[in-house]
Amino acid sequence: MSDQTRKIAFICSKGDLDMAYPALVMGWAALGNGIDVTIFFTFWGLDMIVKSRQSRLEIAPVANTSMKMKMMGLPTGNLGIPNILGILPGMTAFATAIMHKKIAEVGAPPVGEYLQMLVDGGAKLYACKMSVDMMGLKKEDFVDGVLDIVTASDFMDMTEGAQIIFI
């Protein structure tokens, strides 16, 4: 067994509610196992750390072929929500509300609280410079805990030897 600390790095590229949790859950598990955790937010993944967006992450049923009615609490077996229903006004809000309820039922904290737990546990959070520049954001736009805005090259240097997981 090596004396070196294991390292894992997550690249969060999506800002949908259901895509926020994989890195949070796995990052928390990694910290609990003594693994060094770094999270890099790029493109729409920045929504997870932008103050004005973080509490407004949504899950859209349109083209989400994995969204099963049974999982969403509807008694219709394993049918997916038909894409045509996803275009109806209010369907994104409906799906988002149900997902928030399901997340709360399993005792998972909201995204902001989860990120704060990770930071408190020693995880390092970074925003992608190219995405930040493209979207006209500044460091002040991000929640507390984001250490810096870095280039992809900087991220690669910082996470040398880490297992990298793209979400």
N, C-alpha and C. Protein backbone atom coordinates (compact mmCIF):
# COMPACT_ATOMS: atom_id res chain seq x y z
N MET A 1 0.84 -1.18 0.00
CA MET A 1 0.00 0.00 0.00
C MET A 1 0.89 1.24 0.00
N SER A 2 0.54 2.20 -0.81
CA SER A 2 1.33 3.43 -0.94
C SER A 2 1.03 4.38 0.21
N ASP A 3 2.04 5.17 0.58
CA ASP A 3 1.87 6.18 1.62
C ASP A 3 1.29 7.47 1.04
N GLN A 4 1.18 7.54 -0.28
CA GLN A 4 0.65 8.72 -0.94
C GLN A 4 -0.86 8.83 -0.72
N THR A 5 -1.35 10.06 -0.52
CA THR A 5 -2.78 10.30 -0.39
C THR A 5 -3.44 10.11 -1.75
N ARG A 6 -4.51 9.35 -1.76
CA ARG A 6 -5.28 9.19 -3.00
C ARG A 6 -5.94 10.51 -3.35
N LYS A 7 -6.10 10.77 -4.65
CA LYS A 7 -6.72 12.01 -5.11
C LYS A 7 -7.78 11.69 -6.15
N ILE A 8 -8.87 12.45 -6.07
CA ILE A 8 -9.93 12.33 -7.06
C ILE A 8 -10.36 13.74 -7.46
N ALA A 9 -10.64 13.93 -8.72
CA ALA A 9 -11.07 15.23 -9.23
C ALA A 9 -12.33 15.03 -10.08
N PHE A 10 -13.30 15.87 -9.85
CA PHE A 10 -14.54 15.84 -10.61
C PHE A 10 -14.62 17.07 -11.50
N ILE A 11 -15.05 16.87 -12.73
CA ILE A 11 -15.32 17.97 -13.64
C ILE A 11 -16.84 18.02 -13.79
N CYS A 12 -17.44 19.08 -13.28
CA CYS A 12 -18.90 19.25 -13.35
C CYS A 12 -19.22 20.18 -14.51
N SER A 13 -19.87 19.63 -15.53
CA SER A 13 -20.13 20.41 -16.75
C SER A 13 -21.62 20.67 -16.99
N LYS A 14 -22.47 20.16 -16.11
CA LYS A 14 -23.90 20.31 -16.34
C LYS A 14 -24.56 20.97 -15.13
N GLY A 15 -25.53 21.84 -15.40
CA GLY A 15 -26.19 22.58 -14.33
C GLY A 15 -27.58 22.10 -13.99
N ASP A 16 -27.95 20.91 -14.44
CA ASP A 16 -29.26 20.35 -14.08
C ASP A 16 -29.21 19.79 -12.67
N LEU A 17 -30.34 19.83 -11.99
CA LEU A 17 -30.42 19.35 -10.61
C LEU A 17 -29.93 17.91 -10.48
N ASP A 18 -30.35 17.05 -11.39
CA ASP A 18 -29.95 15.64 -11.29
C ASP A 18 -28.47 15.43 -11.61
N MET A 19 -27.85 16.36 -12.31
CA MET A 19 -26.43 16.23 -12.63
C MET A 19 -25.53 16.87 -11.57
N ALA A 20 -26.12 17.59 -10.63
CA ALA A 20 -25.34 18.21 -9.55
C ALA A 20 -24.93 17.17 -8.51
N TYR A 21 -25.79 16.22 -8.24
CA TYR A 21 -25.57 15.33 -7.11
C TYR A 21 -24.49 14.26 -7.27
N PRO A 22 -24.22 13.72 -8.46
CA PRO A 22 -23.19 12.68 -8.54
C PRO A 22 -21.84 13.10 -7.96
N ALA A 23 -21.34 14.28 -8.32
CA ALA A 23 -20.04 14.72 -7.79
C ALA A 23 -20.13 15.02 -6.30
N LEU A 24 -21.27 15.54 -5.85
CA LEU A 24 -21.42 15.85 -4.43
C LEU A 24 -21.41 14.58 -3.59
N VAL A 25 -22.18 13.60 -4.00
CA VAL A 25 -22.26 12.34 -3.27
C VAL A 25 -20.92 11.61 -3.29
N MET A 26 -20.32 11.49 -4.48
CA MET A 26 -19.04 10.78 -4.57
C MET A 26 -17.92 11.55 -3.89
N GLY A 27 -17.96 12.88 -3.98
CA GLY A 27 -16.95 13.69 -3.31
C GLY A 27 -17.01 13.54 -1.80
N TRP A 28 -18.23 13.53 -1.26
CA TRP A 28 -18.41 13.36 0.19
C TRP A 28 -17.92 11.97 0.62
N ALA A 29 -18.25 10.96 -0.16
CA ALA A 29 -17.79 9.61 0.15
C ALA A 29 -16.26 9.54 0.11
N ALA A 30 -15.67 10.19 -0.88
CA ALA A 30 -14.21 10.20 -1.00
C ALA A 30 -13.57 10.87 0.21
N LEU A 31 -14.09 12.03 0.61
CA LEU A 31 -13.54 12.71 1.79
C LEU A 31 -13.62 11.80 3.02
N GLY A 32 -14.73 11.08 3.15
CA GLY A 32 -14.91 10.16 4.27
C GLY A 32 -13.91 9.02 4.26
N ASN A 33 -13.34 8.75 3.10
CA ASN A 33 -12.34 7.69 2.98
C ASN A 33 -10.92 8.25 2.93
N GLY A 34 -10.78 9.53 3.29
CA GLY A 34 -9.46 10.13 3.34
C GLY A 34 -8.86 10.48 1.99
N ILE A 35 -9.69 10.59 0.98
CA ILE A 35 -9.23 10.89 -0.38
C ILE A 35 -9.31 12.39 -0.61
N ASP A 36 -8.27 12.97 -1.19
CA ASP A 36 -8.21 14.39 -1.53
C ASP A 36 -9.20 14.66 -2.67
N VAL A 37 -10.08 15.66 -2.51
CA VAL A 37 -11.13 15.94 -3.48
C VAL A 37 -10.98 17.34 -4.07
N THR A 38 -11.01 17.41 -5.40
CA THR A 38 -11.01 18.67 -6.12
C THR A 38 -12.18 18.64 -7.10
N ILE A 39 -12.92 19.76 -7.19
CA ILE A 39 -14.04 19.84 -8.12
C ILE A 39 -13.86 21.07 -9.00
N PHE A 40 -13.95 20.85 -10.31
CA PHE A 40 -13.77 21.88 -11.34
C PHE A 40 -15.11 22.08 -12.03
N PHE A 41 -15.64 23.29 -11.99
CA PHE A 41 -16.95 23.60 -12.56
C PHE A 41 -16.75 24.33 -13.88
N THR A 42 -17.32 23.78 -14.95
CA THR A 42 -17.16 24.35 -16.27
C THR A 42 -18.51 24.40 -16.99
N PHE A 43 -18.61 25.25 -17.98
CA PHE A 43 -19.83 25.46 -18.75
C PHE A 43 -21.04 25.56 -17.81
N TRP A 44 -22.12 24.80 -18.04
CA TRP A 44 -23.34 24.96 -17.24
C TRP A 44 -23.15 24.42 -15.83
N GLY A 45 -22.11 23.67 -15.58
CA GLY A 45 -21.80 23.22 -14.22
C GLY A 45 -21.54 24.40 -13.30
N LEU A 46 -21.18 25.55 -13.88
CA LEU A 46 -20.99 26.76 -13.06
C LEU A 46 -22.26 27.13 -12.30
N ASP A 47 -23.43 26.75 -12.83
CA ASP A 47 -24.68 27.06 -12.13
C ASP A 47 -24.67 26.53 -10.69
N MET A 48 -23.94 25.47 -10.45
CA MET A 48 -23.87 24.89 -9.10
C MET A 48 -23.19 25.83 -8.11
N ILE A 49 -22.34 26.73 -8.60
CA ILE A 49 -21.58 27.60 -7.70
C ILE A 49 -21.86 29.08 -7.88
N VAL A 50 -22.71 29.44 -8.84
CA VAL A 50 -23.09 30.85 -9.03
C VAL A 50 -24.20 31.17 -8.02
N LYS A 51 -23.97 32.18 -7.21
CA LYS A 51 -24.91 32.55 -6.15
C LYS A 51 -26.34 32.68 -6.66
N SER A 52 -26.53 33.35 -7.78
CA SER A 52 -27.87 33.62 -8.28
C SER A 52 -28.53 32.41 -8.93
N ARG A 53 -27.80 31.36 -9.19
CA ARG A 53 -28.35 30.18 -9.87
C ARG A 53 -28.45 28.94 -8.98
N GLN A 54 -27.59 28.86 -7.99
CA GLN A 54 -27.45 27.61 -7.23
C GLN A 54 -28.77 27.07 -6.67
N SER A 55 -29.61 27.92 -6.13
CA SER A 55 -30.86 27.44 -5.54
C SER A 55 -31.96 27.29 -6.59
N ARG A 56 -31.63 27.53 -7.85
CA ARG A 56 -32.64 27.46 -8.92
C ARG A 56 -32.33 26.38 -9.95
N LEU A 57 -31.53 25.38 -9.57
CA LEU A 57 -31.24 24.28 -10.50
C LEU A 57 -32.54 23.51 -10.77
N GLU A 58 -32.72 23.07 -12.00
CA GLU A 58 -33.95 22.39 -12.39
C GLU A 58 -33.65 21.05 -13.05
N ILE A 59 -34.71 20.28 -13.25
CA ILE A 59 -34.61 19.05 -14.02
C ILE A 59 -35.72 19.09 -15.07
N ALA A 60 -35.34 19.08 -16.32
CA ALA A 60 -36.31 19.18 -17.40
C ALA A 60 -36.67 17.80 -17.93
N PRO A 61 -37.96 17.49 -18.03
CA PRO A 61 -38.36 16.18 -18.54
C PRO A 61 -38.21 16.03 -20.05
N VAL A 62 -38.08 17.12 -20.79
CA VAL A 62 -37.95 17.04 -22.24
C VAL A 62 -36.65 16.32 -22.59
N ALA A 63 -36.76 15.29 -23.39
CA ALA A 63 -35.63 14.49 -23.88
C ALA A 63 -34.86 13.78 -22.78
N ASN A 64 -35.43 13.69 -21.59
CA ASN A 64 -34.80 12.95 -20.50
C ASN A 64 -35.39 11.54 -20.49
N THR A 65 -34.79 10.68 -21.28
CA THR A 65 -35.34 9.33 -21.47
C THR A 65 -35.26 8.47 -20.22
N SER A 66 -34.46 8.87 -19.27
CA SER A 66 -34.33 8.10 -18.04
C SER A 66 -35.35 8.49 -16.98
N MET A 67 -36.13 9.52 -17.23
CA MET A 67 -37.09 9.98 -16.23
C MET A 67 -38.31 9.06 -16.24
N LYS A 68 -38.36 8.17 -15.28
CA LYS A 68 -39.45 7.22 -15.18
C LYS A 68 -40.57 7.77 -14.30
N MET A 69 -41.80 7.56 -14.72
CA MET A 69 -42.94 8.05 -13.95
C MET A 69 -42.96 7.42 -12.56
N LYS A 70 -42.61 6.14 -12.47
CA LYS A 70 -42.61 5.47 -11.17
C LYS A 70 -41.60 6.13 -10.24
N MET A 71 -40.42 6.45 -10.76
CA MET A 71 -39.41 7.11 -9.95
C MET A 71 -39.90 8.47 -9.48
N MET A 72 -40.67 9.13 -10.32
CA MET A 72 -41.18 10.45 -10.00
C MET A 72 -42.41 10.39 -9.10
N GLY A 73 -42.78 9.18 -8.65
CA GLY A 73 -43.88 9.05 -7.71
C GLY A 73 -45.24 8.86 -8.34
N LEU A 74 -45.29 8.62 -9.63
CA LEU A 74 -46.56 8.43 -10.31
C LEU A 74 -46.80 6.93 -10.52
N PRO A 75 -48.00 6.45 -10.24
CA PRO A 75 -48.29 5.01 -10.28
C PRO A 75 -48.56 4.48 -11.68
N THR A 76 -47.57 4.56 -12.57
CA THR A 76 -47.79 4.11 -13.94
C THR A 76 -46.73 3.13 -14.39
N GLY A 77 -46.19 2.36 -13.49
CA GLY A 77 -45.18 1.38 -13.87
C GLY A 77 -43.86 2.03 -14.20
N ASN A 78 -43.19 1.48 -15.20
CA ASN A 78 -41.86 1.97 -15.57
C ASN A 78 -41.89 2.80 -16.85
N LEU A 79 -43.02 3.38 -17.16
CA LEU A 79 -43.11 4.21 -18.35
C LEU A 79 -42.34 5.51 -18.14
N GLY A 80 -41.75 6.01 -19.18
CA GLY A 80 -41.11 7.32 -19.10
C GLY A 80 -42.15 8.40 -19.29
N ILE A 81 -41.86 9.60 -18.82
CA ILE A 81 -42.75 10.72 -19.09
C ILE A 81 -42.62 11.01 -20.58
N PRO A 82 -43.71 10.90 -21.32
CA PRO A 82 -43.61 11.14 -22.76
C PRO A 82 -43.03 12.52 -23.04
N ASN A 83 -42.13 12.61 -24.01
CA ASN A 83 -41.49 13.88 -24.32
C ASN A 83 -42.50 14.98 -24.62
N ILE A 84 -43.60 14.64 -25.24
CA ILE A 84 -44.59 15.65 -25.60
C ILE A 84 -45.14 16.34 -24.35
N LEU A 85 -45.26 15.61 -23.23
CA LEU A 85 -45.74 16.23 -21.99
C LEU A 85 -44.71 17.19 -21.42
N GLY A 86 -43.44 16.95 -21.71
CA GLY A 86 -42.38 17.80 -21.19
C GLY A 86 -42.43 19.23 -21.70
N ILE A 87 -43.10 19.44 -22.83
CA ILE A 87 -43.18 20.79 -23.38
C ILE A 87 -44.31 21.60 -22.78
N LEU A 88 -45.18 20.96 -22.01
CA LEU A 88 -46.30 21.68 -21.41
C LEU A 88 -45.79 22.67 -20.36
N PRO A 89 -46.40 23.83 -20.29
CA PRO A 89 -46.01 24.80 -19.26
C PRO A 89 -46.10 24.18 -17.86
N GLY A 90 -45.10 24.40 -17.08
CA GLY A 90 -45.08 23.91 -15.71
C GLY A 90 -44.47 22.54 -15.51
N MET A 91 -44.16 21.81 -16.58
CA MET A 91 -43.62 20.45 -16.41
C MET A 91 -42.22 20.45 -15.80
N THR A 92 -41.39 21.42 -16.17
CA THR A 92 -40.05 21.49 -15.57
C THR A 92 -40.18 21.80 -14.09
N ALA A 93 -41.04 22.73 -13.73
CA ALA A 93 -41.26 23.06 -12.31
C ALA A 93 -41.82 21.85 -11.56
N PHE A 94 -42.73 21.10 -12.20
CA PHE A 94 -43.31 19.91 -11.59
C PHE A 94 -42.24 18.85 -11.34
N ALA A 95 -41.44 18.57 -12.37
CA ALA A 95 -40.39 17.56 -12.24
C ALA A 95 -39.34 17.99 -11.20
N THR A 96 -39.01 19.27 -11.18
CA THR A 96 -38.04 19.80 -10.23
C THR A 96 -38.56 19.66 -8.80
N ALA A 97 -39.82 20.01 -8.58
CA ALA A 97 -40.41 19.91 -7.24
C ALA A 97 -40.41 18.46 -6.76
N ILE A 98 -40.76 17.55 -7.63
CA ILE A 98 -40.76 16.13 -7.25
C ILE A 98 -39.34 15.67 -6.93
N MET A 99 -38.36 16.10 -7.73
CA MET A 99 -36.97 15.70 -7.48
C MET A 99 -36.49 16.27 -6.14
N HIS A 100 -36.82 17.51 -5.83
CA HIS A 100 -36.45 18.08 -4.53
C HIS A 100 -37.05 17.26 -3.39
N LYS A 101 -38.30 16.84 -3.57
CA LYS A 101 -38.97 16.02 -2.56
C LYS A 101 -38.25 14.68 -2.39
N LYS A 102 -37.90 14.05 -3.51
CA LYS A 102 -37.21 12.76 -3.46
C LYS A 102 -35.83 12.90 -2.80
N ILE A 103 -35.13 13.97 -3.11
CA ILE A 103 -33.81 14.22 -2.52
C ILE A 103 -33.95 14.39 -1.00
N ALA A 104 -34.94 15.17 -0.57
CA ALA A 104 -35.17 15.38 0.86
C ALA A 104 -35.56 14.08 1.56
N GLU A 105 -36.34 13.24 0.89
CA GLU A 105 -36.78 11.98 1.49
C GLU A 105 -35.62 11.05 1.82
N VAL A 106 -34.55 11.11 1.06
CA VAL A 106 -33.40 10.26 1.34
C VAL A 106 -32.40 10.95 2.27
N GLY A 107 -32.74 12.16 2.71
CA GLY A 107 -31.90 12.87 3.66
C GLY A 107 -30.71 13.59 3.06
N ALA A 108 -30.70 13.75 1.75
CA ALA A 108 -29.59 14.47 1.11
C ALA A 108 -29.85 15.98 1.24
N PRO A 109 -28.81 16.73 1.56
CA PRO A 109 -28.99 18.17 1.69
C PRO A 109 -29.11 18.86 0.33
N PRO A 110 -29.61 20.08 0.32
CA PRO A 110 -29.64 20.86 -0.92
C PRO A 110 -28.22 21.09 -1.43
N VAL A 111 -28.11 21.43 -2.70
CA VAL A 111 -26.80 21.59 -3.35
C VAL A 111 -25.88 22.53 -2.58
N GLY A 112 -26.37 23.70 -2.19
CA GLY A 112 -25.54 24.67 -1.49
C GLY A 112 -24.99 24.14 -0.18
N GLU A 113 -25.84 23.48 0.57
CA GLU A 113 -25.42 22.90 1.85
C GLU A 113 -24.41 21.77 1.62
N TYR A 114 -24.65 20.97 0.60
CA TYR A 114 -23.73 19.87 0.27
C TYR A 114 -22.35 20.40 -0.08
N LEU A 115 -22.33 21.45 -0.91
CA LEU A 115 -21.05 22.05 -1.29
C LEU A 115 -20.32 22.61 -0.07
N GLN A 116 -21.06 23.24 0.86
CA GLN A 116 -20.44 23.77 2.07
C GLN A 116 -19.87 22.64 2.92
N MET A 117 -20.59 21.53 3.00
CA MET A 117 -20.08 20.36 3.73
C MET A 117 -18.76 19.89 3.12
N LEU A 118 -18.73 19.85 1.79
CA LEU A 118 -17.51 19.42 1.10
C LEU A 118 -16.35 20.37 1.39
N VAL A 119 -16.61 21.67 1.30
CA VAL A 119 -15.57 22.66 1.59
C VAL A 119 -15.09 22.52 3.03
N ASP A 120 -16.04 22.40 3.96
CA ASP A 120 -15.68 22.23 5.37
C ASP A 120 -14.87 20.97 5.60
N GLY A 121 -15.11 19.95 4.76
CA GLY A 121 -14.38 18.69 4.86
C GLY A 121 -13.03 18.70 4.17
N GLY A 122 -12.72 19.79 3.45
CA GLY A 122 -11.42 19.91 2.81
C GLY A 122 -11.40 19.83 1.30
N ALA A 123 -12.56 19.70 0.67
CA ALA A 123 -12.60 19.67 -0.79
C ALA A 123 -12.22 21.04 -1.34
N LYS A 124 -11.61 21.03 -2.51
CA LYS A 124 -11.20 22.27 -3.17
C LYS A 124 -12.08 22.49 -4.40
N LEU A 125 -12.68 23.69 -4.49
CA LEU A 125 -13.58 24.02 -5.58
C LEU A 125 -12.96 25.10 -6.47
N TYR A 126 -13.04 24.88 -7.80
CA TYR A 126 -12.49 25.82 -8.76
C TYR A 126 -13.47 26.05 -9.90
N ALA A 127 -13.48 27.27 -10.43
CA ALA A 127 -14.27 27.61 -11.60
C ALA A 127 -13.36 27.66 -12.82
N CYS A 128 -13.89 27.25 -13.96
CA CYS A 128 -13.14 27.24 -15.23
C CYS A 128 -13.05 28.64 -15.81
N LYS A 129 -11.84 29.10 -16.03
CA LYS A 129 -11.61 30.46 -16.53
C LYS A 129 -12.28 30.71 -17.88
N MET A 130 -12.16 29.78 -18.82
CA MET A 130 -12.76 30.00 -20.13
C MET A 130 -14.28 30.16 -20.01
N SER A 131 -14.92 29.28 -19.24
CA SER A 131 -16.38 29.36 -19.07
C SER A 131 -16.78 30.64 -18.34
N VAL A 132 -16.01 31.01 -17.31
CA VAL A 132 -16.28 32.23 -16.57
C VAL A 132 -16.20 33.44 -17.49
N ASP A 133 -15.16 33.48 -18.32
CA ASP A 133 -15.00 34.59 -19.27
C ASP A 133 -16.13 34.61 -20.30
N MET A 134 -16.49 33.44 -20.82
CA MET A 134 -17.56 33.36 -21.82
C MET A 134 -18.88 33.86 -21.27
N MET A 135 -19.13 33.60 -20.00
CA MET A 135 -20.41 33.94 -19.39
C MET A 135 -20.38 35.29 -18.67
N GLY A 136 -19.25 35.97 -18.73
CA GLY A 136 -19.15 37.29 -18.14
C GLY A 136 -19.25 37.29 -16.62
N LEU A 137 -18.75 36.24 -15.98
CA LEU A 137 -18.82 36.13 -14.53
C LEU A 137 -17.54 36.63 -13.88
N LYS A 138 -17.62 36.88 -12.58
CA LYS A 138 -16.47 37.29 -11.78
C LYS A 138 -16.45 36.46 -10.50
N LYS A 139 -15.34 36.48 -9.79
CA LYS A 139 -15.21 35.69 -8.56
C LYS A 139 -16.32 36.02 -7.56
N GLU A 140 -16.74 37.29 -7.53
CA GLU A 140 -17.80 37.71 -6.61
C GLU A 140 -19.14 37.03 -6.89
N ASP A 141 -19.30 36.49 -8.10
CA ASP A 141 -20.55 35.83 -8.47
C ASP A 141 -20.68 34.44 -7.85
N PHE A 142 -19.57 33.93 -7.33
CA PHE A 142 -19.56 32.55 -6.83
C PHE A 142 -19.80 32.48 -5.33
N VAL A 143 -20.32 31.35 -4.90
CA VAL A 143 -20.55 31.10 -3.49
C VAL A 143 -19.22 31.02 -2.75
N ASP A 144 -19.27 31.24 -1.45
CA ASP A 144 -18.08 31.08 -0.63
C ASP A 144 -17.58 29.64 -0.75
N GLY A 145 -16.29 29.49 -0.76
CA GLY A 145 -15.71 28.15 -0.86
C GLY A 145 -15.04 27.91 -2.19
N VAL A 146 -15.41 28.69 -3.22
CA VAL A 146 -14.72 28.57 -4.50
C VAL A 146 -13.38 29.26 -4.33
N LEU A 147 -12.32 28.49 -4.46
CA LEU A 147 -10.99 29.01 -4.18
C LEU A 147 -10.47 29.97 -5.24
N ASP A 148 -10.74 29.65 -6.51
CA ASP A 148 -10.17 30.48 -7.56
C ASP A 148 -10.81 30.15 -8.89
N ILE A 149 -10.50 30.98 -9.86
CA ILE A 149 -10.87 30.75 -11.26
C ILE A 149 -9.58 30.33 -11.94
N VAL A 150 -9.57 29.13 -12.53
CA VAL A 150 -8.33 28.58 -13.09
C VAL A 150 -8.56 28.07 -14.51
N THR A 151 -7.47 27.99 -15.26
CA THR A 151 -7.55 27.44 -16.61
C THR A 151 -7.61 25.92 -16.55
N ALA A 152 -8.00 25.31 -17.64
CA ALA A 152 -8.02 23.85 -17.71
C ALA A 152 -6.62 23.30 -17.50
N SER A 153 -5.62 23.99 -18.02
CA SER A 153 -4.23 23.57 -17.84
C SER A 153 -3.82 23.61 -16.37
N ASP A 154 -4.24 24.69 -15.67
CA ASP A 154 -3.96 24.79 -14.23
C ASP A 154 -4.60 23.62 -13.49
N PHE A 155 -5.85 23.31 -13.85
CA PHE A 155 -6.57 22.21 -13.22
C PHE A 155 -5.82 20.90 -13.42
N MET A 156 -5.33 20.67 -14.63
CA MET A 156 -4.57 19.44 -14.90
C MET A 156 -3.32 19.38 -14.04
N ASP A 157 -2.63 20.50 -13.91
CA ASP A 157 -1.42 20.53 -13.06
C ASP A 157 -1.77 20.27 -11.60
N MET A 158 -2.85 20.87 -11.12
CA MET A 158 -3.25 20.74 -9.71
C MET A 158 -3.69 19.32 -9.37
N THR A 159 -4.18 18.60 -10.37
CA THR A 159 -4.76 17.28 -10.10
C THR A 159 -3.89 16.14 -10.65
N GLU A 160 -2.63 16.43 -10.88
CA GLU A 160 -1.73 15.40 -11.39
C GLU A 160 -1.78 14.17 -10.48
N GLY A 161 -1.96 13.02 -11.09
CA GLY A 161 -2.02 11.77 -10.34
C GLY A 161 -3.39 11.43 -9.79
N ALA A 162 -4.35 12.33 -9.98
CA ALA A 162 -5.71 12.09 -9.48
C ALA A 162 -6.51 11.27 -10.48
N GLN A 163 -7.48 10.56 -9.95
CA GLN A 163 -8.48 9.93 -10.81
C GLN A 163 -9.43 11.06 -11.19
N ILE A 164 -9.69 11.25 -12.48
CA ILE A 164 -10.54 12.34 -12.95
C ILE A 164 -11.84 11.76 -13.46
N ILE A 165 -12.95 12.32 -12.97
CA ILE A 165 -14.28 11.87 -13.35
C ILE A 165 -15.03 13.04 -13.95
N PHE A 166 -15.49 12.87 -15.19
CA PHE A 166 -16.22 13.92 -15.91
C PHE A 166 -17.71 13.67 -15.78
N ILE A 167 -18.43 14.68 -15.29
CA ILE A 167 -19.88 14.56 -15.11
C ILE A 167 -20.56 15.64 -15.91
